[in-house]
N, C-alpha and C. Protein backbone atom coordinates (compact mmCIF):
# COMPACT_ATOMS: atom_id res chain seq x y z
N MET A 1 -96.64 48.35 10.09
CA MET A 1 -96.96 49.67 9.92
C MET A 1 -97.43 49.79 8.23
N THR A 2 -98.62 49.26 7.84
CA THR A 2 -99.10 49.76 6.63
C THR A 2 -99.78 50.76 6.24
N ARG A 3 -99.71 51.20 5.30
CA ARG A 3 -100.03 52.23 4.74
C ARG A 3 -100.96 52.43 3.49
N LYS A 4 -101.67 51.05 3.50
CA LYS A 4 -102.96 51.02 2.90
C LYS A 4 -103.89 52.38 1.87
N ASN A 5 -104.09 53.24 3.28
CA ASN A 5 -104.94 54.25 3.12
C ASN A 5 -104.22 55.42 2.88
N SER A 6 -102.57 55.51 2.61
CA SER A 6 -101.94 56.95 2.47
C SER A 6 -102.53 57.25 0.66
N PRO A 7 -102.08 58.45 0.73
CA PRO A 7 -102.23 58.69 -1.03
C PRO A 7 -101.23 58.40 -1.64
N GLN A 8 -101.48 58.37 -3.01
CA GLN A 8 -100.65 57.58 -4.32
C GLN A 8 -99.11 57.96 -3.81
N ARG A 9 -98.27 56.70 -3.60
CA ARG A 9 -96.83 56.87 -3.50
C ARG A 9 -96.13 57.64 -4.17
N ALA A 10 -95.27 58.73 -3.77
CA ALA A 10 -94.39 59.42 -4.69
C ALA A 10 -93.64 58.41 -5.40
N SER A 11 -93.52 58.98 -6.32
CA SER A 11 -92.29 58.01 -7.66
C SER A 11 -91.03 58.52 -7.48
N LYS A 12 -90.67 57.21 -7.59
CA LYS A 12 -89.02 57.31 -7.39
C LYS A 12 -88.38 58.55 -7.79
N THR A 13 -88.72 59.36 -8.72
CA THR A 13 -88.11 60.49 -9.33
C THR A 13 -88.40 61.64 -8.26
N ASN A 14 -89.58 61.32 -7.73
CA ASN A 14 -90.22 63.17 -7.21
C ASN A 14 -89.46 62.89 -5.66
N ARG A 15 -89.19 61.54 -5.24
CA ARG A 15 -88.76 61.45 -3.80
C ARG A 15 -87.64 62.38 -3.38
N LEU A 16 -86.97 62.82 -2.33
CA LEU A 16 -86.46 63.19 -1.75
C LEU A 16 -84.95 62.60 -1.96
N ARG A 17 -83.88 62.71 -2.82
CA ARG A 17 -82.68 62.10 -2.70
C ARG A 17 -81.86 62.08 -1.24
N GLY A 18 -81.47 60.81 -1.29
CA GLY A 18 -80.35 61.04 0.22
C GLY A 18 -81.07 60.78 1.06
N ARG A 19 -82.20 60.48 1.17
CA ARG A 19 -82.75 60.44 2.58
C ARG A 19 -82.28 58.93 3.32
N THR A 20 -82.16 58.60 4.61
CA THR A 20 -82.05 57.51 5.45
C THR A 20 -82.73 57.56 6.38
N LEU A 21 -83.28 56.07 6.46
CA LEU A 21 -84.04 55.71 7.51
C LEU A 21 -83.11 54.97 8.94
N TYR A 22 -83.20 55.47 9.89
CA TYR A 22 -82.47 54.81 10.76
C TYR A 22 -83.57 53.83 11.70
N VAL A 23 -83.15 52.87 12.05
CA VAL A 23 -83.75 51.80 12.58
C VAL A 23 -82.81 51.15 13.92
N VAL A 24 -83.16 51.32 14.94
CA VAL A 24 -82.53 51.01 16.34
C VAL A 24 -83.25 50.28 17.27
N GLY A 25 -82.60 48.88 17.28
CA GLY A 25 -82.94 48.26 18.24
C GLY A 25 -82.27 48.37 19.74
N VAL A 26 -82.23 49.46 20.86
CA VAL A 26 -81.57 49.91 21.53
C VAL A 26 -80.91 48.95 22.65
N GLU A 27 -81.82 48.04 22.87
CA GLU A 27 -81.26 47.16 23.94
C GLU A 27 -80.21 45.94 23.11
N ASN A 28 -80.43 45.77 21.92
CA ASN A 28 -79.45 44.95 21.48
C ASN A 28 -78.38 45.89 21.00
N MET A 29 -78.30 47.05 20.95
CA MET A 29 -76.92 47.68 20.49
C MET A 29 -76.23 47.78 22.07
N VAL A 30 -77.00 48.20 23.00
CA VAL A 30 -76.13 48.41 24.34
C VAL A 30 -75.52 47.15 24.85
N GLY A 31 -76.69 46.11 24.44
CA GLY A 31 -75.89 44.60 25.01
C GLY A 31 -76.37 44.25 26.28
N CYS A 32 -77.33 44.53 26.91
CA CYS A 32 -77.99 44.20 28.22
C CYS A 32 -79.49 44.74 28.22
N CYS A 33 -79.85 44.05 29.05
CA CYS A 33 -81.44 44.29 29.30
C CYS A 33 -81.75 45.46 30.00
N GLU A 34 -81.44 45.91 31.09
CA GLU A 34 -81.12 47.10 31.82
C GLU A 34 -80.61 48.14 31.49
N LEU A 35 -80.97 49.16 30.86
CA LEU A 35 -80.66 50.44 30.09
C LEU A 35 -80.65 51.68 30.97
N SER A 36 -79.68 52.75 31.29
CA SER A 36 -79.83 54.06 31.48
C SER A 36 -80.16 55.05 30.50
N ALA A 37 -80.31 56.33 30.85
CA ALA A 37 -80.35 57.41 29.72
C ALA A 37 -79.08 57.21 29.32
N VAL A 38 -78.01 57.43 29.87
CA VAL A 38 -76.40 57.35 29.68
C VAL A 38 -76.34 56.27 28.55
N ASP A 39 -76.19 54.91 28.86
CA ASP A 39 -76.07 53.93 28.15
C ASP A 39 -76.99 54.11 26.51
N VAL A 40 -77.80 54.77 26.75
CA VAL A 40 -78.77 54.85 25.67
C VAL A 40 -78.10 55.93 24.82
N ALA A 41 -77.58 57.19 25.08
CA ALA A 41 -76.96 58.34 24.90
C ALA A 41 -75.55 57.85 24.10
N LYS A 42 -74.88 57.63 25.00
CA LYS A 42 -73.75 56.73 24.28
C LYS A 42 -74.02 55.57 23.05
N ILE A 43 -74.53 55.25 23.03
CA ILE A 43 -74.90 54.33 21.46
C ILE A 43 -75.23 55.38 21.06
N ARG A 44 -76.08 56.19 20.84
CA ARG A 44 -76.36 56.98 19.76
C ARG A 44 -75.08 57.54 19.44
N THR A 45 -74.45 58.16 20.02
CA THR A 45 -73.27 58.90 19.86
C THR A 45 -72.55 57.75 18.79
N ARG A 46 -72.36 56.92 19.34
CA ARG A 46 -71.67 55.82 18.71
C ARG A 46 -71.79 55.11 17.34
N ILE A 47 -73.51 55.22 16.86
CA ILE A 47 -73.86 54.82 15.88
C ILE A 47 -74.03 56.16 14.76
N HIS A 48 -73.62 57.40 15.67
CA HIS A 48 -74.05 58.54 14.32
C HIS A 48 -72.36 58.93 14.30
N MET A 49 -71.39 57.92 14.91
CA MET A 49 -69.94 58.23 14.54
C MET A 49 -69.93 57.46 13.37
N THR A 50 -70.54 56.13 13.56
CA THR A 50 -70.39 54.91 12.22
C THR A 50 -71.14 55.70 10.89
N VAL A 51 -72.28 55.92 11.16
CA VAL A 51 -72.85 56.50 9.98
C VAL A 51 -73.72 57.98 10.22
N GLU A 52 -72.93 58.76 9.47
CA GLU A 52 -73.43 60.16 9.88
C GLU A 52 -74.54 60.55 9.29
N PRO A 53 -75.34 60.88 10.28
CA PRO A 53 -77.15 61.44 9.90
C PRO A 53 -76.92 62.90 9.04
N ARG A 54 -78.13 63.01 8.30
CA ARG A 54 -78.13 64.20 7.78
C ARG A 54 -79.55 64.82 8.22
N SER A 55 -79.79 65.86 7.97
CA SER A 55 -81.16 66.94 8.96
C SER A 55 -82.62 66.10 8.09
N SER A 56 -82.09 65.29 6.98
CA SER A 56 -83.68 65.11 6.13
C SER A 56 -83.48 63.33 6.85
N ASP A 57 -82.87 63.07 7.84
CA ASP A 57 -83.21 61.51 7.68
C ASP A 57 -84.14 61.27 8.95
N HIS A 58 -84.63 60.25 9.18
CA HIS A 58 -85.48 59.72 10.01
C HIS A 58 -85.05 58.92 11.40
N THR A 59 -85.54 58.65 12.24
CA THR A 59 -84.82 57.38 13.28
C THR A 59 -85.75 57.13 13.79
N VAL A 60 -86.07 55.40 13.71
CA VAL A 60 -86.93 54.61 14.69
C VAL A 60 -86.08 54.00 15.80
N ILE A 61 -86.57 54.16 16.97
CA ILE A 61 -86.37 53.24 18.05
C ILE A 61 -86.93 52.66 18.46
N ALA A 62 -86.36 51.27 19.38
CA ALA A 62 -87.74 50.83 20.12
C ALA A 62 -86.77 49.97 21.16
N ALA A 63 -87.38 49.79 22.29
CA ALA A 63 -86.80 49.07 23.73
C ALA A 63 -88.07 48.44 24.08
N SER A 64 -88.17 47.91 25.20
CA SER A 64 -89.41 47.36 25.94
C SER A 64 -89.38 48.20 26.93
N HIS A 65 -91.02 47.96 27.55
CA HIS A 65 -91.36 48.51 28.12
C HIS A 65 -90.73 49.07 29.59
N PHE A 66 -89.50 48.02 29.99
CA PHE A 66 -89.07 48.40 31.02
C PHE A 66 -87.92 49.38 30.82
N ASN A 67 -87.29 49.50 29.70
CA ASN A 67 -86.11 50.42 29.17
C ASN A 67 -86.92 51.56 28.47
N ALA A 68 -88.32 51.50 28.67
CA ALA A 68 -88.67 52.86 27.36
C ALA A 68 -88.35 54.33 27.96
N ALA A 69 -88.31 54.64 29.22
CA ALA A 69 -87.92 55.81 29.89
C ALA A 69 -86.52 55.97 29.52
N ALA A 70 -85.77 54.90 29.47
CA ALA A 70 -84.20 55.31 29.32
C ALA A 70 -83.92 55.58 28.12
N ALA A 71 -84.75 54.77 27.35
CA ALA A 71 -84.52 54.77 25.86
C ALA A 71 -85.56 56.56 25.25
N TYR A 72 -86.42 56.66 26.04
CA TYR A 72 -87.38 58.13 25.44
C TYR A 72 -85.76 59.34 25.89
N PHE A 73 -85.54 59.40 26.82
CA PHE A 73 -84.55 60.28 27.30
C PHE A 73 -83.24 60.57 27.32
N GLY A 74 -83.08 59.11 26.91
CA GLY A 74 -81.44 59.31 26.20
C GLY A 74 -81.34 59.03 24.91
N TRP A 75 -82.00 59.02 24.18
CA TRP A 75 -81.62 59.45 22.64
C TRP A 75 -82.58 60.97 22.27
N SER A 76 -81.64 61.82 22.24
CA SER A 76 -82.51 63.21 22.04
C SER A 76 -82.59 63.40 20.48
N GLY A 77 -83.06 64.19 20.10
CA GLY A 77 -83.58 64.78 18.77
C GLY A 77 -85.01 64.01 18.34
N ALA A 78 -85.31 64.75 17.07
CA ALA A 78 -86.50 64.21 16.77
C ALA A 78 -86.48 62.83 16.63
N VAL A 79 -87.15 61.76 16.66
CA VAL A 79 -86.90 60.36 16.76
C VAL A 79 -88.25 59.85 17.17
N GLN A 80 -88.66 59.11 16.55
CA GLN A 80 -89.90 57.83 16.51
C GLN A 80 -89.40 57.17 17.69
N ARG A 81 -90.18 56.79 18.79
CA ARG A 81 -89.76 56.21 19.91
C ARG A 81 -90.85 54.56 20.06
N LEU A 82 -90.94 53.86 19.80
CA LEU A 82 -91.78 52.58 20.01
C LEU A 82 -91.43 51.55 21.42
N ALA A 83 -92.23 51.41 22.22
CA ALA A 83 -92.18 50.05 23.37
C ALA A 83 -92.92 49.13 23.03
N ARG A 84 -92.87 48.19 22.92
CA ARG A 84 -93.32 47.01 23.23
C ARG A 84 -92.91 45.66 24.66
N SER A 85 -94.10 45.08 24.65
CA SER A 85 -93.37 44.43 25.78
C SER A 85 -93.52 42.75 25.44
N GLY A 86 -93.18 41.98 26.44
CA GLY A 86 -92.96 40.64 25.67
C GLY A 86 -91.84 40.09 24.82
N LYS A 87 -91.38 38.87 24.84
CA LYS A 87 -90.41 37.92 24.27
C LYS A 87 -89.66 38.93 22.81
N ASP A 88 -89.02 39.49 22.81
CA ASP A 88 -88.80 40.17 21.43
C ASP A 88 -89.59 41.43 21.12
N GLY A 89 -90.00 42.13 21.83
CA GLY A 89 -91.09 43.07 21.89
C GLY A 89 -90.62 44.19 20.83
N ALA A 90 -89.77 44.52 21.31
CA ALA A 90 -88.84 45.82 20.58
C ALA A 90 -88.56 45.17 19.00
N ASP A 91 -88.02 44.51 18.75
CA ASP A 91 -87.75 43.90 17.69
C ASP A 91 -88.99 43.96 16.78
N LYS A 92 -90.01 43.26 17.25
CA LYS A 92 -91.46 43.39 16.50
C LYS A 92 -91.95 44.29 16.46
N ALA A 93 -91.92 45.68 17.23
CA ALA A 93 -91.99 46.76 17.04
C ALA A 93 -91.16 47.49 16.20
N LEU A 94 -90.06 47.24 15.83
CA LEU A 94 -88.96 47.62 14.55
C LEU A 94 -89.56 47.37 13.41
N ILE A 95 -89.71 45.76 13.36
CA ILE A 95 -90.18 44.58 12.35
C ILE A 95 -91.48 45.55 11.25
N ASP A 96 -92.36 45.68 12.52
CA ASP A 96 -93.30 46.09 11.93
C ASP A 96 -93.73 47.61 11.24
N ALA A 97 -92.66 48.72 11.79
CA ALA A 97 -92.36 49.82 11.04
C ALA A 97 -91.80 49.78 10.12
N ILE A 98 -91.06 48.92 9.62
CA ILE A 98 -90.47 48.69 8.20
C ILE A 98 -90.83 47.57 7.44
N SER A 99 -92.40 46.83 7.84
CA SER A 99 -92.77 45.77 7.08
C SER A 99 -92.90 46.12 5.55
N ASP A 100 -93.33 47.24 5.08
CA ASP A 100 -93.76 47.91 3.87
C ASP A 100 -92.51 48.19 3.14
N ALA A 101 -92.26 47.39 2.76
CA ALA A 101 -90.94 47.44 2.17
C ALA A 101 -90.89 48.12 0.59
N SER A 102 -92.01 48.19 -0.34
CA SER A 102 -92.16 49.25 -1.08
C SER A 102 -92.18 50.60 -0.40
N TRP A 103 -93.04 50.61 0.18
CA TRP A 103 -93.45 52.17 0.80
C TRP A 103 -92.00 52.84 1.38
N ILE A 104 -91.27 52.02 2.12
CA ILE A 104 -89.85 52.50 2.81
C ILE A 104 -89.03 52.52 1.35
N ALA A 105 -89.43 52.17 0.27
CA ALA A 105 -88.30 52.12 -1.13
C ALA A 105 -88.86 53.41 -1.33
N ASP A 106 -89.84 53.93 -1.79
CA ASP A 106 -90.66 54.84 -2.43
C ASP A 106 -90.19 56.44 -1.47
N HIS A 107 -89.45 56.16 -0.48
CA HIS A 107 -89.26 57.36 0.66
C HIS A 107 -88.31 57.53 1.14
N TYR A 108 -87.24 56.58 1.32
CA TYR A 108 -85.79 56.16 1.55
C TYR A 108 -84.77 55.92 0.58
N ASP A 109 -83.76 56.68 0.44
CA ASP A 109 -82.93 55.86 -0.67
C ASP A 109 -81.90 54.55 0.37
N ARG A 110 -82.04 54.59 1.29
CA ARG A 110 -81.07 53.96 2.59
C ARG A 110 -81.55 53.70 3.93
N VAL A 111 -81.55 52.77 4.04
CA VAL A 111 -82.12 52.56 5.49
C VAL A 111 -80.75 51.55 6.32
N VAL A 112 -80.56 52.72 7.49
CA VAL A 112 -79.73 51.71 8.48
C VAL A 112 -80.04 51.12 9.73
N LEU A 113 -79.74 50.28 9.57
CA LEU A 113 -80.21 49.11 10.72
C LEU A 113 -79.22 49.19 11.85
N ALA A 114 -79.40 49.30 12.97
CA ALA A 114 -78.61 49.13 14.22
C ALA A 114 -78.92 48.13 15.03
N SER A 115 -79.01 46.84 14.54
CA SER A 115 -79.13 45.59 15.49
C SER A 115 -78.30 44.29 15.14
N GLY A 116 -78.40 43.31 15.72
CA GLY A 116 -77.51 42.22 15.05
C GLY A 116 -78.61 41.16 15.32
N ASP A 117 -79.73 41.51 15.58
CA ASP A 117 -80.90 40.08 16.15
C ASP A 117 -81.53 39.38 14.18
N HIS A 118 -81.36 38.42 14.25
CA HIS A 118 -81.91 37.51 13.19
C HIS A 118 -82.95 37.75 13.02
N ALA A 119 -83.89 38.56 13.89
CA ALA A 119 -85.15 38.65 13.48
C ALA A 119 -85.30 39.49 12.18
N PHE A 120 -84.83 40.61 11.84
CA PHE A 120 -84.48 41.47 11.05
C PHE A 120 -84.03 40.61 9.59
N THR A 121 -83.41 39.72 9.58
CA THR A 121 -83.04 39.19 8.02
C THR A 121 -84.12 38.86 6.98
N TYR A 122 -85.37 38.59 7.41
CA TYR A 122 -86.53 38.73 6.18
C TYR A 122 -86.54 40.39 5.75
N ALA A 123 -86.41 41.42 7.00
CA ALA A 123 -86.95 42.36 6.11
C ALA A 123 -85.58 43.21 5.84
N VAL A 124 -84.56 42.94 6.18
CA VAL A 124 -83.34 43.14 5.70
C VAL A 124 -83.66 42.81 3.57
N ALA A 125 -83.59 41.50 3.72
CA ALA A 125 -83.56 40.76 2.36
C ALA A 125 -84.75 41.58 1.63
N ALA A 126 -85.85 41.76 1.90
CA ALA A 126 -86.93 42.55 1.17
C ALA A 126 -86.57 44.08 1.12
N LEU A 127 -86.11 44.60 1.83
CA LEU A 127 -85.67 46.22 1.53
C LEU A 127 -84.84 46.13 0.29
N LYS A 128 -83.74 45.05 0.10
CA LYS A 128 -82.84 44.92 -0.28
C LYS A 128 -83.58 44.69 -1.78
N ALA A 129 -84.24 43.96 -1.79
CA ALA A 129 -84.97 43.32 -2.98
C ALA A 129 -86.20 44.50 -3.59
N GLU A 130 -86.44 45.27 -3.10
CA GLU A 130 -86.86 46.80 -3.41
C GLU A 130 -86.00 47.74 -3.96
N GLY A 131 -84.47 47.49 -3.70
CA GLY A 131 -83.68 48.39 -4.44
C GLY A 131 -82.87 49.38 -3.17
N VAL A 132 -83.31 49.23 -2.20
CA VAL A 132 -82.83 49.88 -0.65
C VAL A 132 -81.78 49.55 -0.59
N LYS A 133 -80.93 50.00 -0.39
CA LYS A 133 -79.61 50.24 0.37
C LYS A 133 -79.74 49.98 1.78
N VAL A 134 -79.13 48.55 2.41
CA VAL A 134 -79.81 48.38 3.45
C VAL A 134 -77.96 48.06 4.13
N ILE A 135 -77.64 49.32 5.13
CA ILE A 135 -76.55 49.17 6.02
C ILE A 135 -76.79 48.34 7.05
N VAL A 136 -75.80 47.51 7.76
CA VAL A 136 -76.55 47.09 9.01
C VAL A 136 -75.06 47.41 9.94
N ILE A 137 -75.37 47.91 11.34
CA ILE A 137 -74.48 48.22 12.07
C ILE A 137 -74.42 47.21 12.91
N ARG A 138 -73.38 46.35 13.43
CA ARG A 138 -72.85 45.69 14.10
C ARG A 138 -72.94 45.67 15.54
N PRO A 139 -73.48 45.76 16.54
CA PRO A 139 -73.41 45.55 17.94
C PRO A 139 -71.68 45.17 18.59
N ASP A 140 -71.42 45.52 19.17
CA ASP A 140 -70.62 44.92 20.12
C ASP A 140 -70.59 43.32 20.42
N THR A 141 -71.55 42.78 20.75
CA THR A 141 -72.02 41.55 21.40
C THR A 141 -72.97 40.89 20.60
N GLY A 142 -73.39 39.78 20.66
CA GLY A 142 -74.49 39.49 20.13
C GLY A 142 -74.92 39.68 18.61
N PHE A 143 -74.21 39.09 18.06
CA PHE A 143 -74.43 39.69 16.57
C PHE A 143 -74.86 38.16 15.41
N SER A 144 -76.11 37.71 15.06
CA SER A 144 -76.48 36.55 14.43
C SER A 144 -75.60 36.67 13.11
N ASN A 145 -75.49 35.45 12.96
CA ASN A 145 -74.84 34.65 11.83
C ASN A 145 -75.81 34.91 10.50
N LYS A 146 -76.97 34.26 10.53
CA LYS A 146 -78.05 34.84 9.57
C LYS A 146 -78.09 36.21 9.21
N MET A 147 -77.65 37.17 9.81
CA MET A 147 -77.90 38.70 9.78
C MET A 147 -76.44 39.11 8.76
N ARG A 148 -75.23 38.39 9.18
CA ARG A 148 -73.97 38.39 8.82
C ARG A 148 -74.16 38.29 7.33
N LEU A 149 -74.89 37.26 7.04
CA LEU A 149 -75.00 36.61 5.66
C LEU A 149 -75.64 37.64 4.53
N VAL A 150 -77.01 38.20 5.24
CA VAL A 150 -77.93 39.05 4.62
C VAL A 150 -77.44 40.40 4.41
N ALA A 151 -76.61 40.73 5.33
CA ALA A 151 -76.10 42.14 5.25
C ALA A 151 -74.88 42.12 4.21
N GLY A 152 -74.31 40.92 3.96
CA GLY A 152 -73.48 41.12 3.00
C GLY A 152 -72.16 42.29 3.26
N PRO A 153 -71.48 42.96 2.21
CA PRO A 153 -70.47 44.09 2.36
C PRO A 153 -70.94 45.23 2.62
N ASP A 154 -72.50 45.34 3.32
CA ASP A 154 -72.71 46.57 3.64
C ASP A 154 -72.93 46.47 5.21
N LEU A 155 -72.05 45.27 6.06
CA LEU A 155 -72.42 45.62 7.52
C LEU A 155 -70.72 46.38 7.99
N MET A 156 -71.08 47.39 8.84
CA MET A 156 -70.20 48.05 9.88
C MET A 156 -69.89 47.78 11.13
N LEU A 157 -69.08 47.68 11.63
CA LEU A 157 -68.92 47.67 12.85
C LEU A 157 -69.02 49.04 13.46
N LEU A 158 -69.22 48.94 15.17
CA LEU A 158 -69.66 50.06 15.88
C LEU A 158 -68.63 50.62 16.04
N LYS A 159 -68.41 51.82 15.67
CA LYS A 159 -67.38 52.91 15.87
C LYS A 159 -67.30 52.68 17.56
N SER A 160 -65.90 52.63 18.02
CA SER A 160 -65.42 52.98 19.42
C SER A 160 -65.32 54.65 20.07
N PRO A 161 -66.09 54.88 21.39
CA PRO A 161 -66.14 56.21 21.65
C PRO A 161 -64.90 56.74 21.87
N VAL A 162 -64.08 56.10 21.97
CA VAL A 162 -62.46 56.48 22.12
C VAL A 162 -61.70 56.15 20.92
N PRO A 163 -61.01 57.18 20.40
CA PRO A 163 -59.76 56.47 19.28
C PRO A 163 -58.95 55.51 20.38
N ALA A 164 -58.22 54.63 18.96
CA ALA A 164 -57.39 53.95 19.71
C ALA A 164 -56.33 54.21 20.41
N ASN A 165 -55.83 55.44 20.04
CA ASN A 165 -54.48 56.02 19.92
C ASN A 165 -54.58 56.26 21.41
N VAL A 166 -56.15 56.92 21.74
CA VAL A 166 -56.09 57.58 22.94
C VAL A 166 -55.96 56.27 24.37
N ILE A 167 -56.29 55.34 23.99
CA ILE A 167 -56.28 53.92 24.14
C ILE A 167 -54.67 53.69 25.13
N ASN A 168 -53.93 53.74 23.68
CA ASN A 168 -52.18 53.48 24.04
C ASN A 168 -51.60 54.51 25.27
N LEU A 169 -52.25 55.73 25.36
CA LEU A 169 -51.80 56.61 26.07
C LEU A 169 -51.62 56.34 27.65
N PHE A 170 -52.63 55.64 27.91
CA PHE A 170 -53.06 54.95 29.18
C PHE A 170 -52.75 53.51 29.79
N ARG A 171 -51.83 52.98 28.88
CA ARG A 171 -51.56 51.73 29.36
C ARG A 171 -50.78 51.99 30.82
N ASN A 172 -51.15 51.04 31.54
CA ASN A 172 -50.43 50.47 32.78
C ASN A 172 -49.37 49.61 32.62
N HIS A 173 -47.99 50.33 32.75
CA HIS A 173 -47.01 49.04 32.54
C HIS A 173 -46.65 48.93 34.17
N LYS A 174 -46.36 47.87 34.18
CA LYS A 174 -46.02 47.47 35.59
C LYS A 174 -44.19 46.82 35.68
N LYS A 175 -43.93 47.53 36.28
CA LYS A 175 -42.21 47.27 36.62
C LYS A 175 -42.04 45.68 37.02
N ALA A 176 -41.66 44.83 36.39
CA ALA A 176 -40.96 43.77 37.70
C ALA A 176 -40.07 43.82 38.53
N ALA A 177 -40.32 43.04 39.50
CA ALA A 177 -39.20 43.74 41.24
C ALA A 177 -38.31 42.80 40.88
């Protein structure tokens, strides 16, 4: 997504402070290739529990065309929804959305990337080089070592939808006969 024809970029002093861009690879975060709207709604809740959004924040999500309906209906609120077919199509669509690192730096203070795919390592490094704080939310499964290295101390684990003390209340204790 290049912005060559856009008006002169806003200077860093004129932009809104505290704006965050959420970039979410839905299939990577759910951890499967067949999604339902309920799966997407649950992962949205968990992401927002990990890094709480504000009203001025923007969100971009992507899924393959097979999961586009689930992603579109499962993620509520104002969001830019992308779908692309092919191998790593959704990842490529998200990379295109954040490819202009200087434009992102002029409009956002922070980017929250919810994906564990190694394809985003160069984009994360470019954003950090522009002075944007990049927080990477790690999915439950399938996290790249390259992403772990580039994320550094700004790596966050995806919050559990159920607090740890609730799980302990429902443990099954079997007595030996």
